[in-house]
Amino acid sequence: MGVSYESSTGSTSAIADFHAMLTDQDTSNISANTYIKMMPHTTAVNIGVFFGALI
């Protein structure tokens, strides 16, 4: 079983937070999950985990 969900980008707010970290050296909105949230395949992974399709 697998999940296919097309997305060209991850969360735009996470991308903005990551940009602020790189350009302004502001890490106030960065957490352990920020990088994961900005990846384009995050939606498919979360759907798969929710339905138990991924180990």
PDB file of N, CA and C in Angstrom:
ATOM      1  N   MET A   1       0.850  -1.148   0.000  1.00  0.00           N
ATOM      2  CA  MET A   1       0.000   0.000   0.000  1.00  0.00           C
ATOM      3  C   MET A   1       0.906   1.224   0.000  1.00  0.00           C
ATOM      4  N   GLY A   2       0.486   2.246  -0.687  1.00  0.00           N
ATOM      5  CA  GLY A   2       1.235   3.490  -0.709  1.00  0.00           C
ATOM      6  C   GLY A   2       0.313   4.675  -0.824  1.00  0.00           C
ATOM      7  N   VAL A   3       0.876   5.826  -0.684  1.00  0.00           N
ATOM      8  CA  VAL A   3       0.114   7.068  -0.791  1.00  0.00           C
ATOM      9  C   VAL A   3       0.799   7.945  -1.819  1.00  0.00           C
ATOM     10  N   SER A   4       0.023   8.463  -2.733  1.00  0.00           N
ATOM     11  CA  SER A   4       0.546   9.399  -3.715  1.00  0.00           C
ATOM     12  C   SER A   4      -0.231  10.703  -3.590  1.00  0.00           C
ATOM     13  N   TYR A   5       0.485  11.765  -3.364  1.00  0.00           N
ATOM     14  CA  TYR A   5      -0.142  13.081  -3.235  1.00  0.00           C
ATOM     15  C   TYR A   5       0.831  14.096  -3.810  1.00  0.00           C
ATOM     16  N   GLU A   6       0.416  14.792  -4.818  1.00  0.00           N
ATOM     17  CA  GLU A   6       1.322  15.713  -5.491  1.00  0.00           C
ATOM     18  C   GLU A   6       1.342  17.068  -4.796  1.00  0.00           C
ATOM     19  N   SER A   7       2.534  17.555  -4.593  1.00  0.00           N
ATOM     20  CA  SER A   7       2.729  18.881  -4.007  1.00  0.00           C
ATOM     21  C   SER A   7       4.073  19.397  -4.479  1.00  0.00           C
ATOM     22  N   SER A   8       4.144  20.655  -4.809  1.00  0.00           N
ATOM     23  CA  SER A   8       5.412  21.217  -5.270  1.00  0.00           C
ATOM     24  C   SER A   8       6.153  21.941  -4.154  1.00  0.00           C
ATOM     25  N   THR A   9       5.516  22.080  -3.009  1.00  0.00           N
ATOM     26  CA  THR A   9       6.172  22.759  -1.889  1.00  0.00           C
ATOM     27  C   THR A   9       5.524  22.316  -0.593  1.00  0.00           C
ATOM     28  N   GLY A  10       6.227  22.542   0.476  1.00  0.00           N
ATOM     29  CA  GLY A  10       5.675  22.248   1.788  1.00  0.00           C
ATOM     30  C   GLY A  10       4.933  23.462   2.337  1.00  0.00           C
ATOM     31  N   SER A  11       4.869  23.551   3.634  1.00  0.00           N
ATOM     32  CA  SER A  11       4.167  24.644   4.292  1.00  0.00           C
ATOM     33  C   SER A  11       4.860  25.979   4.018  1.00  0.00           C
ATOM     34  N   THR A  12       4.120  26.941   3.512  1.00  0.00           N
ATOM     35  CA  THR A  12       4.724  28.241   3.202  1.00  0.00           C
ATOM     36  C   THR A  12       5.158  28.977   4.460  1.00  0.00           C
ATOM     37  N   SER A  13       4.460  28.784   5.568  1.00  0.00           N
ATOM     38  CA  SER A  13       4.892  29.451   6.809  1.00  0.00           C
ATOM     39  C   SER A  13       6.217  28.872   7.301  1.00  0.00           C
ATOM     40  N   ALA A  14       6.409  27.573   7.154  1.00  0.00           N
ATOM     41  CA  ALA A  14       7.681  26.961   7.547  1.00  0.00           C
ATOM     42  C   ALA A  14       8.812  27.437   6.642  1.00  0.00           C
ATOM     43  N   ILE A  15       8.528  27.602   5.363  1.00  0.00           N
ATOM     44  CA  ILE A  15       9.540  28.116   4.432  1.00  0.00           C
ATOM     45  C   ILE A  15       9.927  29.542   4.806  1.00  0.00           C
ATOM     46  N   ALA A  16       8.940  30.358   5.172  1.00  0.00           N
ATOM     47  CA  ALA A  16       9.223  31.740   5.595  1.00  0.00           C
ATOM     48  C   ALA A  16      10.057  31.763   6.870  1.00  0.00           C
ATOM     49  N   ASP A  17       9.751  30.873   7.818  1.00  0.00           N
ATOM     50  CA  ASP A  17      10.530  30.800   9.059  1.00  0.00           C
ATOM     51  C   ASP A  17      11.970  30.384   8.779  1.00  0.00           C
ATOM     52  N   PHE A  18      12.147  29.433   7.874  1.00  0.00           N
ATOM     53  CA  PHE A  18      13.488  28.969   7.519  1.00  0.00           C
ATOM     54  C   PHE A  18      14.256  30.088   6.813  1.00  0.00           C
ATOM     55  N   HIS A  19      13.566  30.837   5.961  1.00  0.00           N
ATOM     56  CA  HIS A  19      14.183  31.975   5.283  1.00  0.00           C
ATOM     57  C   HIS A  19      14.642  33.028   6.289  1.00  0.00           C
ATOM     58  N   ALA A  20      13.806  33.322   7.267  1.00  0.00           N
ATOM     59  CA  ALA A  20      14.173  34.295   8.306  1.00  0.00           C
ATOM     60  C   ALA A  20      15.389  33.820   9.085  1.00  0.00           C
ATOM     61  N   MET A  21      15.484  32.520   9.319  1.00  0.00           N
ATOM     62  CA  MET A  21      16.648  31.986  10.020  1.00  0.00           C
ATOM     63  C   MET A  21      17.914  32.215   9.203  1.00  0.00           C
ATOM     64  N   LEU A  22      17.826  31.982   7.894  1.00  0.00           N
ATOM     65  CA  LEU A  22      19.008  32.104   7.052  1.00  0.00           C
ATOM     66  C   LEU A  22      19.405  33.549   6.776  1.00  0.00           C
ATOM     67  N   THR A  23      18.435  34.423   6.562  1.00  0.00           N
ATOM     68  CA  THR A  23      18.757  35.789   6.180  1.00  0.00           C
ATOM     69  C   THR A  23      18.901  36.742   7.360  1.00  0.00           C
ATOM     70  N   ASP A  24      18.044  36.570   8.365  1.00  0.00           N
ATOM     71  CA  ASP A  24      18.049  37.496   9.507  1.00  0.00           C
ATOM     72  C   ASP A  24      18.674  36.890  10.756  1.00  0.00           C
ATOM     73  N   GLN A  25      19.087  35.641  10.669  1.00  0.00           N
ATOM     74  CA  GLN A  25      19.619  34.898  11.809  1.00  0.00           C
ATOM     75  C   GLN A  25      18.645  34.927  12.987  1.00  0.00           C
ATOM     76  N   ASP A  26      17.358  34.800  12.658  1.00  0.00           N
ATOM     77  CA  ASP A  26      16.286  34.788  13.651  1.00  0.00           C
ATOM     78  C   ASP A  26      15.754  33.364  13.771  1.00  0.00           C
ATOM     79  N   THR A  27      16.027  32.722  14.879  1.00  0.00           N
ATOM     80  CA  THR A  27      15.604  31.336  15.078  1.00  0.00           C
ATOM     81  C   THR A  27      14.385  31.221  16.001  1.00  0.00           C
ATOM     82  N   SER A  28      13.710  32.325  16.254  1.00  0.00           N
ATOM     83  CA  SER A  28      12.597  32.303  17.203  1.00  0.00           C
ATOM     84  C   SER A  28      11.433  31.423  16.749  1.00  0.00           C
ATOM     85  N   ASN A  29      11.243  31.238  15.455  1.00  0.00           N
ATOM     86  CA  ASN A  29      10.136  30.416  14.963  1.00  0.00           C
ATOM     87  C   ASN A  29      10.581  29.039  14.466  1.00  0.00           C
ATOM     88  N   ILE A  30      11.834  28.688  14.698  1.00  0.00           N
ATOM     89  CA  ILE A  30      12.367  27.412  14.245  1.00  0.00           C
ATOM     90  C   ILE A  30      12.204  26.374  15.349  1.00  0.00           C
ATOM     91  N   SER A  31      11.693  25.210  14.951  1.00  0.00           N
ATOM     92  CA  SER A  31      11.586  24.090  15.888  1.00  0.00           C
ATOM     93  C   SER A  31      12.194  22.858  15.230  1.00  0.00           C
ATOM     94  N   ALA A  32      12.144  21.748  15.911  1.00  0.00           N
ATOM     95  CA  ALA A  32      12.681  20.505  15.358  1.00  0.00           C
ATOM     96  C   ALA A  32      11.897  20.055  14.128  1.00  0.00           C
ATOM     97  N   ASN A  33      10.673  20.527  13.982  1.00  0.00           N
ATOM     98  CA  ASN A  33       9.827  20.101  12.868  1.00  0.00           C
ATOM     99  C   ASN A  33       9.805  21.065  11.691  1.00  0.00           C
ATOM    100  N   THR A  34      10.440  22.204  11.785  1.00  0.00           N
ATOM    101  CA  THR A  34      10.353  23.217  10.727  1.00  0.00           C
ATOM    102  C   THR A  34      10.859  22.686   9.394  1.00  0.00           C
ATOM    103  N   TYR A  35      12.007  22.026   9.390  1.00  0.00           N
ATOM    104  CA  TYR A  35      12.559  21.500   8.140  1.00  0.00           C
ATOM    105  C   TYR A  35      11.632  20.460   7.531  1.00  0.00           C
ATOM    106  N   ILE A  36      11.076  19.598   8.386  1.00  0.00           N
ATOM    107  CA  ILE A  36      10.168  18.559   7.897  1.00  0.00           C
ATOM    108  C   ILE A  36       8.915  19.180   7.297  1.00  0.00           C
ATOM    109  N   LYS A  37       8.396  20.235   7.909  1.00  0.00           N
ATOM    110  CA  LYS A  37       7.177  20.884   7.416  1.00  0.00           C
ATOM    111  C   LYS A  37       7.372  21.533   6.054  1.00  0.00           C
ATOM    112  N   MET A  38       8.605  21.932   5.727  1.00  0.00           N
ATOM    113  CA  MET A  38       8.817  22.624   4.457  1.00  0.00           C
ATOM    114  C   MET A  38       9.122  21.678   3.298  1.00  0.00           C
ATOM    115  N   MET A  39       9.246  20.378   3.568  1.00  0.00           N
ATOM    116  CA  MET A  39       9.517  19.418   2.503  1.00  0.00           C
ATOM    117  C   MET A  39       8.246  19.132   1.707  1.00  0.00           C
ATOM    118  N   PRO A  40       8.336  18.989   0.387  1.00  0.00           N
ATOM    119  CA  PRO A  40       7.144  18.824  -0.439  1.00  0.00           C
ATOM    120  C   PRO A  40       6.392  17.512  -0.231  1.00  0.00           C
ATOM    121  N   HIS A  41       7.054  16.480   0.257  1.00  0.00           N
ATOM    122  CA  HIS A  41       6.375  15.189   0.403  1.00  0.00           C
ATOM    123  C   HIS A  41       5.752  14.986   1.788  1.00  0.00           C
ATOM    124  N   THR A  42       5.750  16.016   2.622  1.00  0.00           N
ATOM    125  CA  THR A  42       5.234  15.889   3.977  1.00  0.00           C
ATOM    126  C   THR A  42       3.772  15.469   4.013  1.00  0.00           C
ATOM    127  N   THR A  43       2.948  15.968   3.112  1.00  0.00           N
ATOM    128  CA  THR A  43       1.526  15.625   3.112  1.00  0.00           C
ATOM    129  C   THR A  43       1.323  14.133   2.896  1.00  0.00           C
ATOM    130  N   ALA A  44       1.991  13.574   1.912  1.00  0.00           N
ATOM    131  CA  ALA A  44       1.846  12.137   1.644  1.00  0.00           C
ATOM    132  C   ALA A  44       2.326  11.308   2.830  1.00  0.00           C
ATOM    133  N   VAL A  45       3.406  11.711   3.458  1.00  0.00           N
ATOM    134  CA  VAL A  45       3.918  10.982   4.629  1.00  0.00           C
ATOM    135  C   VAL A  45       2.908  11.019   5.765  1.00  0.00           C
ATOM    136  N   ASN A  46       2.362  12.202   6.051  1.00  0.00           N
ATOM    137  CA  ASN A  46       1.391  12.312   7.146  1.00  0.00           C
ATOM    138  C   ASN A  46       0.123  11.499   6.872  1.00  0.00           C
ATOM    139  N   ILE A  47      -0.351  11.490   5.636  1.00  0.00           N
ATOM    140  CA  ILE A  47      -1.528  10.681   5.288  1.00  0.00           C
ATOM    141  C   ILE A  47      -1.209   9.200   5.492  1.00  0.00           C
ATOM    142  N   GLY A  48      -0.043   8.780   5.032  1.00  0.00           N
ATOM    143  CA  GLY A  48       0.354   7.381   5.192  1.00  0.00           C
ATOM    144  C   GLY A  48       0.479   6.971   6.649  1.00  0.00           C
ATOM    145  N   VAL A  49       1.059   7.826   7.476  1.00  0.00           N
ATOM    146  CA  VAL A  49       1.180   7.533   8.903  1.00  0.00           C
ATOM    147  C   VAL A  49      -0.199   7.477   9.545  1.00  0.00           C
ATOM    148  N   PHE A  50      -1.069   8.412   9.213  1.00  0.00           N
ATOM    149  CA  PHE A  50      -2.410   8.455   9.795  1.00  0.00           C
ATOM    150  C   PHE A  50      -3.190   7.177   9.512  1.00  0.00           C
ATOM    151  N   PHE A  51      -3.099   6.670   8.274  1.00  0.00           N
ATOM    152  CA  PHE A  51      -3.841   5.475   7.902  1.00  0.00           C
ATOM    153  C   PHE A  51      -3.054   4.195   8.115  1.00  0.00           C
ATOM    154  N   GLY A  52      -1.853   4.284   8.633  1.00  0.00           N
ATOM    155  CA  GLY A  52      -1.061   3.094   8.918  1.00  0.00           C
ATOM    156  C   GLY A  52      -0.476   2.438   7.678  1.00  0.00           C
ATOM    157  N   ALA A  53      -0.335   3.188   6.598  1.00  0.00           N
ATOM    158  CA  ALA A  53       0.191   2.633   5.355  1.00  0.00           C
ATOM    159  C   ALA A  53       1.719   2.541   5.359  1.00  0.00           C
ATOM    160  N   LEU A  54       2.344   3.271   6.254  1.00  0.00           N
ATOM    161  CA  LEU A  54       3.807   3.284   6.330  1.00  0.00           C
ATOM    162  C   LEU A  54       4.269   2.654   7.623  1.00  0.00           C
ATOM    163  N   ILE A  55       5.370   1.990   7.553  1.00  0.00           N
ATOM    164  CA  ILE A  55       5.920   1.347   8.755  1.00  0.00           C
ATOM    165  C   ILE A  55       6.880   2.292   9.425  1.00  0.00           C
TER     166      ILE A  55
END
